[in-house]
Each structure stands twice: as structure tokens, then as C-alpha cells.
Amino acid sequence: MAEISLQGSPIRTNGELPAVGITARAVLVLDEDNRVLHAERVPEIAREPDYDRALKALGWMEAGS
């Protein structure tokens, strides 16, 4: 279980989210203790999140890249 904030309200989730922003995209990066390292939601499906920032949060890319 992870606790995240959705529109300012904390919720606990097992990966399933309420149908809010259903036409949006999101990326979440959690550590092994289910702490959120990175979270981003873009307002519409036509846009993509910044995947490079998500990879940097995982330590897979240099911070200056």
C-alpha cells in the first residue's frame, strides 16, 4: 500500500486510483518502502509526463542530464 495525495486529499492505494482525471496521464515512482520519490500528472492524455525526471528519481540518469 502507498499513500499519495490526489487533488490535495491523501488516499491509500494499491495502484488503483479513483476515476478522477481519467483523460490524464500520470507517473509515480515509489521506493522499496512505498514512499513517493516522484509524482507527476499532466492534465490531458495528449501530453506525456517528464519520463526523464522519473528516471532521475530512480537514479537511472545523471541529475545534470
N, C-alpha and C. Protein backbone atom coordinates (compact mmCIF):
# COMPACT_ATOMS: atom_id res chain seq x y z
N MET A 1 0.83 -1.18 0.00
CA MET A 1 0.00 0.00 0.00
C MET A 1 0.88 1.24 0.00
N ALA A 2 0.44 2.23 -0.71
CA ALA A 2 1.12 3.53 -0.74
C ALA A 2 0.11 4.60 -0.41
N GLU A 3 0.58 5.67 0.20
CA GLU A 3 -0.29 6.81 0.45
C GLU A 3 0.15 7.93 -0.46
N ILE A 4 -0.77 8.44 -1.25
CA ILE A 4 -0.47 9.53 -2.16
C ILE A 4 -1.51 10.62 -1.96
N SER A 5 -1.25 11.75 -2.55
CA SER A 5 -2.20 12.86 -2.49
C SER A 5 -2.85 12.99 -3.86
N LEU A 6 -4.15 13.01 -3.89
CA LEU A 6 -4.90 13.18 -5.13
C LEU A 6 -5.77 14.41 -4.97
N GLN A 7 -5.46 15.43 -5.74
CA GLN A 7 -6.17 16.70 -5.67
C GLN A 7 -6.20 17.24 -4.24
N GLY A 8 -5.07 17.12 -3.55
CA GLY A 8 -4.93 17.67 -2.21
C GLY A 8 -5.44 16.79 -1.09
N SER A 9 -6.04 15.65 -1.39
CA SER A 9 -6.55 14.75 -0.36
C SER A 9 -5.72 13.48 -0.32
N PRO A 10 -5.19 13.12 0.85
CA PRO A 10 -4.39 11.90 0.92
C PRO A 10 -5.28 10.66 0.76
N ILE A 11 -4.80 9.70 -0.01
CA ILE A 11 -5.51 8.43 -0.16
C ILE A 11 -4.48 7.31 -0.10
N ARG A 12 -4.91 6.15 0.36
CA ARG A 12 -4.07 4.95 0.34
C ARG A 12 -4.52 4.13 -0.85
N THR A 13 -3.54 3.59 -1.57
CA THR A 13 -3.89 2.87 -2.78
C THR A 13 -2.99 1.66 -2.97
N ASN A 14 -3.52 0.66 -3.65
CA ASN A 14 -2.72 -0.49 -4.06
C ASN A 14 -2.40 -0.39 -5.54
N GLY A 15 -2.50 0.80 -6.09
CA GLY A 15 -2.23 1.02 -7.51
C GLY A 15 -3.47 1.40 -8.28
N GLU A 16 -4.65 1.13 -7.73
CA GLU A 16 -5.89 1.52 -8.39
C GLU A 16 -6.30 2.88 -7.86
N LEU A 17 -6.59 3.79 -8.77
CA LEU A 17 -6.98 5.14 -8.39
C LEU A 17 -8.42 5.41 -8.77
N PRO A 18 -9.09 6.30 -8.05
CA PRO A 18 -10.45 6.67 -8.44
C PRO A 18 -10.46 7.27 -9.84
N ALA A 19 -11.59 7.25 -10.49
CA ALA A 19 -11.71 7.75 -11.86
C ALA A 19 -11.75 9.27 -11.88
N VAL A 20 -10.69 9.88 -11.42
CA VAL A 20 -10.54 11.33 -11.43
C VAL A 20 -9.44 11.63 -12.43
N GLY A 21 -9.67 12.56 -13.31
CA GLY A 21 -8.66 12.87 -14.32
C GLY A 21 -8.43 11.70 -15.25
N ILE A 22 -9.50 11.04 -15.64
CA ILE A 22 -9.39 9.82 -16.43
C ILE A 22 -8.78 10.07 -17.81
N THR A 23 -8.80 11.30 -18.26
CA THR A 23 -8.17 11.60 -19.55
C THR A 23 -6.78 12.20 -19.36
N ALA A 24 -6.19 12.00 -18.20
CA ALA A 24 -4.86 12.50 -17.91
C ALA A 24 -3.87 11.33 -17.89
N ARG A 25 -2.59 11.67 -17.89
CA ARG A 25 -1.55 10.66 -17.72
C ARG A 25 -0.81 10.98 -16.43
N ALA A 26 -0.27 9.95 -15.82
CA ALA A 26 0.50 10.15 -14.60
C ALA A 26 1.63 9.15 -14.52
N VAL A 27 2.66 9.53 -13.79
CA VAL A 27 3.77 8.62 -13.50
C VAL A 27 4.09 8.76 -12.01
N LEU A 28 4.24 7.63 -11.35
CA LEU A 28 4.59 7.59 -9.94
C LEU A 28 5.84 6.73 -9.79
N VAL A 29 6.78 7.19 -8.99
CA VAL A 29 7.98 6.42 -8.68
C VAL A 29 7.99 6.23 -7.17
N LEU A 30 7.97 4.97 -6.74
CA LEU A 30 7.97 4.64 -5.32
C LEU A 30 9.27 3.92 -4.98
N ASP A 31 9.73 4.09 -3.73
CA ASP A 31 10.89 3.32 -3.30
C ASP A 31 10.42 1.99 -2.70
N GLU A 32 11.36 1.22 -2.20
CA GLU A 32 11.01 -0.11 -1.68
C GLU A 32 10.13 -0.06 -0.44
N ASP A 33 10.04 1.11 0.20
CA ASP A 33 9.16 1.28 1.35
C ASP A 33 7.87 1.99 0.98
N ASN A 34 7.58 2.06 -0.32
CA ASN A 34 6.38 2.70 -0.86
C ASN A 34 6.30 4.19 -0.59
N ARG A 35 7.46 4.83 -0.41
CA ARG A 35 7.48 6.28 -0.31
C ARG A 35 7.55 6.85 -1.72
N VAL A 36 6.81 7.90 -1.94
CA VAL A 36 6.77 8.52 -3.26
C VAL A 36 8.05 9.33 -3.47
N LEU A 37 8.82 8.94 -4.50
CA LEU A 37 10.03 9.66 -4.87
C LEU A 37 9.74 10.72 -5.93
N HIS A 38 8.76 10.43 -6.75
CA HIS A 38 8.40 11.35 -7.83
C HIS A 38 6.94 11.10 -8.21
N ALA A 39 6.20 12.16 -8.43
CA ALA A 39 4.82 12.05 -8.89
C ALA A 39 4.54 13.20 -9.84
N GLU A 40 3.95 12.87 -10.96
CA GLU A 40 3.57 13.91 -11.91
C GLU A 40 2.30 13.49 -12.62
N ARG A 41 1.39 14.43 -12.77
CA ARG A 41 0.17 14.20 -13.54
C ARG A 41 0.05 15.34 -14.53
N VAL A 42 -0.15 14.98 -15.79
CA VAL A 42 -0.37 16.00 -16.81
C VAL A 42 -1.86 16.07 -17.08
N PRO A 43 -2.37 17.25 -17.42
CA PRO A 43 -3.82 17.46 -17.45
C PRO A 43 -4.57 16.77 -18.58
N GLU A 44 -3.89 16.33 -19.62
CA GLU A 44 -4.62 15.69 -20.71
C GLU A 44 -3.80 14.55 -21.30
N ILE A 45 -4.48 13.60 -21.87
CA ILE A 45 -3.85 12.39 -22.39
C ILE A 45 -2.90 12.69 -23.55
N ALA A 46 -3.10 13.79 -24.23
CA ALA A 46 -2.24 14.13 -25.38
C ALA A 46 -0.83 14.53 -24.94
N ARG A 47 -0.67 14.94 -23.70
CA ARG A 47 0.66 15.29 -23.16
C ARG A 47 1.24 14.11 -22.42
N GLU A 48 2.55 14.01 -22.39
CA GLU A 48 3.20 12.94 -21.64
C GLU A 48 3.95 13.52 -20.45
N PRO A 49 4.03 12.77 -19.36
CA PRO A 49 4.82 13.23 -18.22
C PRO A 49 6.30 13.30 -18.61
N ASP A 50 7.08 13.95 -17.78
CA ASP A 50 8.52 14.05 -17.99
C ASP A 50 9.16 12.76 -17.49
N TYR A 51 9.30 11.79 -18.40
CA TYR A 51 9.85 10.49 -18.02
C TYR A 51 11.30 10.58 -17.58
N ASP A 52 12.05 11.54 -18.11
CA ASP A 52 13.45 11.71 -17.69
C ASP A 52 13.52 12.06 -16.21
N ARG A 53 12.62 12.90 -15.73
CA ARG A 53 12.60 13.22 -14.30
C ARG A 53 12.27 11.99 -13.46
N ALA A 54 11.38 11.14 -13.96
CA ALA A 54 11.06 9.91 -13.24
C ALA A 54 12.28 8.99 -13.18
N LEU A 55 12.99 8.88 -14.29
CA LEU A 55 14.21 8.05 -14.31
C LEU A 55 15.29 8.62 -13.39
N LYS A 56 15.39 9.93 -13.33
CA LYS A 56 16.35 10.56 -12.42
C LYS A 56 16.00 10.26 -10.98
N ALA A 57 14.71 10.23 -10.66
CA ALA A 57 14.27 9.91 -9.30
C ALA A 57 14.67 8.48 -8.92
N LEU A 58 14.72 7.61 -9.92
CA LEU A 58 15.17 6.23 -9.69
C LEU A 58 16.68 6.11 -9.62
N GLY A 59 17.36 7.18 -10.02
CA GLY A 59 18.82 7.13 -10.06
C GLY A 59 19.35 6.50 -11.33
N TRP A 60 18.52 6.38 -12.35
CA TRP A 60 18.93 5.76 -13.61
C TRP A 60 19.56 6.75 -14.58
N MET A 61 19.45 8.03 -14.26
CA MET A 61 20.04 9.06 -15.11
C MET A 61 20.79 10.03 -14.22
N GLU A 62 21.81 10.65 -14.76
CA GLU A 62 22.55 11.68 -14.03
C GLU A 62 21.62 12.87 -13.81
N ALA A 63 21.74 13.52 -12.69
CA ALA A 63 20.89 14.67 -12.38
C ALA A 63 21.08 15.81 -13.35
N GLY A 64 22.27 15.96 -13.93
CA GLY A 64 22.52 17.04 -14.88
C GLY A 64 22.15 16.71 -16.30
N SER A 65 21.67 15.52 -16.58
CA SER A 65 21.33 15.10 -17.96
C SER A 65 20.08 15.77 -18.45
